[in-house]
Amino acid sequence: MAELYFFVSRDKVHDIVDCGLKLSEWYDREITLPGTSGSRKVLKAFLNPRDDRTKYKDAGFQCLRLNVDLEYCKVADSTLYRMGQDEPYLMQKYYESIIPLKDYRFGTFREPEVLVLTSVLPEYIELTGVAMDVPLLYESSEALYLTNLMEKQEEVYKDSGNHLLYAFFTYLEARGQVVRYEDKEKGCAVFFVRDSDEYAVLRIP
């Protein structure tokens, strides 16, 4: 079973606890899944409650924990779906990103969405508290994605994030927030934060 999270307005909680989540009523969209013909209604859920930060912090919403059979769960990159509304190439990539949840490696997508293909019965729905009753292994999918991306760059460049930090401080310099001094002969740069004693020493990539 997959443990997923779904937000509903608080005035709907009682009905859902009694009757469950009917796919025909709560579906997010209709899509044609890879390898199938015809469109399917899908309910959009999350792997981590903090993946929808807006509703997570909104007292008007209640977070529900769903237990759903893995066979009825796909996962996809919701960033590609959102941007694909205006860019056909990205929508094509979105459809290519859809895989069974059982095959998903956590941290692959910055904003993963779980596409649930079935209604959820009341006995498989739980209310969550302010502090999550079940310990979460990571802060959010976004945080895990960024950590994995940093580690991947480290494996490629073996520079402990120097390239990324150099690019970041160069960006800050362009915004006038830091001043750079370089020693090209020794291959290093010092970035001083304006109006502060703070500075960073980095290698020139």
Protein backbone atom coordinates (compact mmCIF):
# COMPACT_ATOMS: atom_id res chain seq x y z
CA MET A 1 0.00 0.00 0.00
CA ALA A 2 1.12 3.56 -0.71
CA GLU A 3 0.82 6.19 2.01
CA LEU A 4 -0.28 9.42 0.34
CA TYR A 5 -1.53 12.85 1.41
CA PHE A 6 -4.53 14.78 0.14
CA PHE A 7 -5.97 18.15 1.19
CA VAL A 8 -9.66 19.01 1.45
CA SER A 9 -11.50 22.01 2.80
CA ARG A 10 -12.51 21.43 6.41
CA ASP A 11 -16.22 21.61 5.67
CA LYS A 12 -15.88 18.46 3.51
CA VAL A 13 -14.01 16.32 6.07
CA HIS A 14 -17.08 14.78 7.72
CA ASP A 15 -18.54 13.61 4.38
CA ILE A 16 -15.22 12.11 3.26
CA VAL A 17 -14.65 10.26 6.52
CA ASP A 18 -18.14 8.77 6.15
CA CYS A 19 -18.26 8.12 2.41
CA GLY A 20 -14.64 8.12 1.21
CA LEU A 21 -13.11 9.91 -1.76
CA LYS A 22 -15.10 9.14 -4.90
CA LEU A 23 -12.92 9.44 -7.97
CA SER A 24 -15.85 10.70 -10.04
CA GLU A 25 -16.28 13.62 -7.62
CA TRP A 26 -12.72 14.41 -6.52
CA TYR A 27 -10.70 13.78 -9.69
CA ASP A 28 -8.17 16.46 -10.64
CA ARG A 29 -8.10 15.84 -14.40
CA GLU A 30 -8.61 13.31 -17.17
CA ILE A 31 -5.50 12.09 -18.96
CA THR A 32 -4.43 9.30 -21.27
CA LEU A 33 -1.78 7.27 -19.49
CA PRO A 34 1.20 5.90 -21.44
CA GLY A 35 0.47 2.49 -22.93
CA THR A 36 -3.31 2.88 -22.63
CA SER A 37 -6.09 4.09 -24.88
CA GLY A 38 -8.79 6.44 -23.73
CA SER A 39 -8.65 8.97 -20.93
CA ARG A 40 -8.76 8.14 -17.24
CA LYS A 41 -9.87 10.28 -14.32
CA VAL A 42 -7.07 10.75 -11.78
CA LEU A 43 -7.04 12.12 -8.26
CA LYS A 44 -3.90 14.13 -7.45
CA ALA A 45 -2.21 13.28 -4.14
CA PHE A 46 1.21 13.94 -2.58
CA LEU A 47 4.05 11.84 -1.22
CA ASN A 48 4.66 14.35 1.56
CA PRO A 49 2.12 16.77 3.08
CA ARG A 50 4.59 19.65 2.76
CA ASP A 51 4.61 19.21 -1.02
CA ASP A 52 1.56 21.50 -1.10
CA ARG A 53 2.92 24.25 1.15
CA THR A 54 0.00 26.61 0.53
CA LYS A 55 -2.67 24.22 1.79
CA TYR A 56 -0.36 22.76 4.44
CA LYS A 57 -0.22 26.18 6.12
CA ASP A 58 -3.87 27.09 5.48
CA ALA A 59 -6.11 26.44 8.49
CA GLY A 60 -9.05 26.14 6.11
CA PHE A 61 -7.72 22.81 4.81
CA GLN A 62 -7.40 19.41 6.45
CA CYS A 63 -4.67 16.99 5.43
CA LEU A 64 -5.81 13.40 4.96
CA ARG A 65 -3.54 10.37 4.87
CA LEU A 66 -4.64 7.84 2.25
CA ASN A 67 -3.61 4.21 2.00
CA VAL A 68 -3.89 3.15 -1.62
CA ASP A 69 -2.92 -0.05 -3.42
CA LEU A 70 0.29 0.60 -5.38
CA GLU A 71 -1.28 -0.86 -8.52
CA TYR A 72 -3.56 2.20 -8.69
CA CYS A 73 -0.81 4.79 -8.25
CA LYS A 74 1.34 6.52 -10.86
CA VAL A 75 3.79 9.33 -10.20
CA ALA A 76 4.72 12.18 -12.52
CA ASP A 77 6.54 15.52 -12.59
CA SER A 78 3.92 18.17 -11.87
CA THR A 79 6.29 21.02 -12.86
CA LEU A 80 6.27 19.67 -16.42
CA TYR A 81 2.47 19.42 -16.36
CA ARG A 82 2.05 23.02 -15.17
CA MET A 83 4.55 24.44 -17.69
CA GLY A 84 3.25 22.09 -20.38
CA GLN A 85 -0.05 23.99 -20.44
CA ASP A 86 1.79 26.60 -22.54
CA GLU A 87 4.57 24.48 -24.07
CA PRO A 88 3.64 21.28 -25.99
CA TYR A 89 7.19 19.89 -25.77
CA LEU A 90 7.06 20.01 -21.97
CA MET A 91 3.63 18.37 -21.95
CA GLN A 92 5.08 15.54 -24.03
CA LYS A 93 7.89 15.22 -21.49
CA TYR A 94 5.31 15.18 -18.72
CA TYR A 95 3.59 12.15 -20.21
CA GLU A 96 6.97 10.47 -20.64
CA SER A 97 7.69 11.11 -16.94
CA ILE A 98 4.69 9.09 -15.72
CA ILE A 99 5.77 5.84 -14.08
CA PRO A 100 4.28 3.37 -11.58
CA LEU A 101 4.75 4.62 -8.04
CA LYS A 102 6.37 1.30 -7.10
CA ASP A 103 9.22 2.15 -9.52
CA TYR A 104 9.72 5.73 -8.34
CA ARG A 105 12.97 6.71 -6.62
CA PHE A 106 12.31 9.44 -4.05
CA GLY A 107 13.94 12.75 -4.96
CA THR A 108 13.71 12.21 -8.74
CA PHE A 109 11.13 14.99 -9.26
CA ARG A 110 11.18 18.38 -7.56
CA GLU A 111 7.37 18.44 -7.46
CA PRO A 112 6.10 14.87 -7.74
CA GLU A 113 2.38 14.28 -8.02
CA VAL A 114 0.76 10.91 -7.42
CA LEU A 115 -2.01 10.11 -9.86
CA VAL A 116 -4.51 7.88 -8.07
CA LEU A 117 -6.69 5.83 -10.43
CA THR A 118 -9.30 4.66 -7.96
CA SER A 119 -11.76 5.86 -5.35
CA VAL A 120 -10.55 5.60 -1.75
CA LEU A 121 -12.83 3.88 0.78
CA PRO A 122 -13.38 5.48 4.22
CA GLU A 123 -11.44 2.76 6.05
CA TYR A 124 -8.32 3.77 4.11
CA ILE A 125 -8.53 7.46 5.06
CA GLU A 126 -7.09 9.00 8.25
CA LEU A 127 -7.04 12.55 9.56
CA THR A 128 -3.60 13.91 10.32
CA GLY A 129 -2.81 16.20 13.24
CA VAL A 130 -0.84 19.44 13.33
CA ALA A 131 2.24 17.34 14.01
CA MET A 132 2.22 14.41 11.61
CA ASP A 133 1.33 11.21 13.46
CA VAL A 134 3.62 9.13 11.26
CA PRO A 135 7.28 10.26 11.15
CA LEU A 136 8.31 11.65 7.75
CA LEU A 137 11.69 10.60 6.44
CA TYR A 138 12.37 13.87 4.60
CA GLU A 139 11.29 17.51 4.87
CA SER A 140 9.62 17.70 1.46
CA SER A 141 10.03 16.33 -2.06
CA GLU A 142 11.52 19.65 -3.15
CA ALA A 143 14.19 19.59 -0.41
CA LEU A 144 15.06 15.98 -1.20
CA TYR A 145 15.27 16.75 -4.93
CA LEU A 146 17.65 19.67 -4.37
CA THR A 147 19.84 17.60 -2.04
CA ASN A 148 20.04 14.81 -4.63
CA LEU A 149 20.82 17.31 -7.39
CA MET A 150 23.66 18.82 -5.33
CA GLU A 151 25.07 15.35 -4.64
CA LYS A 152 24.89 14.49 -8.34
CA GLN A 153 26.84 17.63 -9.25
CA GLU A 154 29.39 16.81 -6.57
CA GLU A 155 29.90 13.35 -8.10
CA VAL A 156 30.49 14.91 -11.53
CA TYR A 157 32.69 17.87 -10.57
CA LYS A 158 34.19 16.68 -7.25
CA ASP A 159 34.35 20.25 -5.99
CA SER A 160 32.14 20.30 -2.86
CA GLY A 161 29.68 22.72 -4.43
CA ASN A 162 32.30 25.29 -5.47
CA HIS A 163 30.90 25.61 -9.04
CA LEU A 164 27.38 26.19 -7.78
CA LEU A 165 28.43 28.66 -5.09
CA TYR A 166 30.61 30.55 -7.56
CA ALA A 167 27.65 30.85 -9.94
CA PHE A 168 25.40 31.94 -7.07
CA PHE A 169 27.80 34.65 -5.86
CA THR A 170 28.30 35.83 -9.44
CA TYR A 171 24.52 36.21 -9.61
CA LEU A 172 24.58 38.21 -6.35
CA GLU A 173 27.34 40.38 -7.82
CA ALA A 174 25.16 41.13 -10.87
CA ARG A 175 22.46 42.31 -8.43
CA GLY A 176 24.96 44.56 -6.66
CA GLN A 177 24.81 42.59 -3.41
CA VAL A 178 28.46 41.49 -3.32
CA VAL A 179 31.80 42.78 -4.57
CA ARG A 180 34.26 40.34 -6.18
CA TYR A 181 38.07 40.34 -6.06
CA GLU A 182 39.93 37.75 -8.12
CA ASP A 183 43.45 36.37 -8.18
CA LYS A 184 43.50 34.66 -11.57
CA GLU A 185 47.08 33.47 -11.08
CA LYS A 186 46.11 31.53 -7.96
CA GLY A 187 42.66 30.72 -9.30
CA CYS A 188 40.63 32.07 -6.40
CA ALA A 189 38.00 34.74 -5.82
CA VAL A 190 36.74 36.52 -2.72
CA PHE A 191 33.18 37.81 -2.64
CA PHE A 192 32.45 40.48 -0.02
CA VAL A 193 28.85 41.10 1.02
CA ARG A 194 28.09 44.83 0.72
CA ASP A 195 27.90 46.74 3.99
CA SER A 196 29.08 43.69 5.92
CA ASP A 197 32.28 41.95 7.04
CA GLU A 198 30.92 38.70 5.63
CA TYR A 199 32.77 37.16 2.68
CA ALA A 200 33.24 33.88 0.82
CA VAL A 201 36.45 32.47 -0.70
CA LEU A 202 35.93 30.25 -3.76
CA ARG A 203 37.98 28.67 -6.51
CA ILE A 204 37.50 30.12 -10.00
CA PRO A 205 35.94 27.28 -12.07
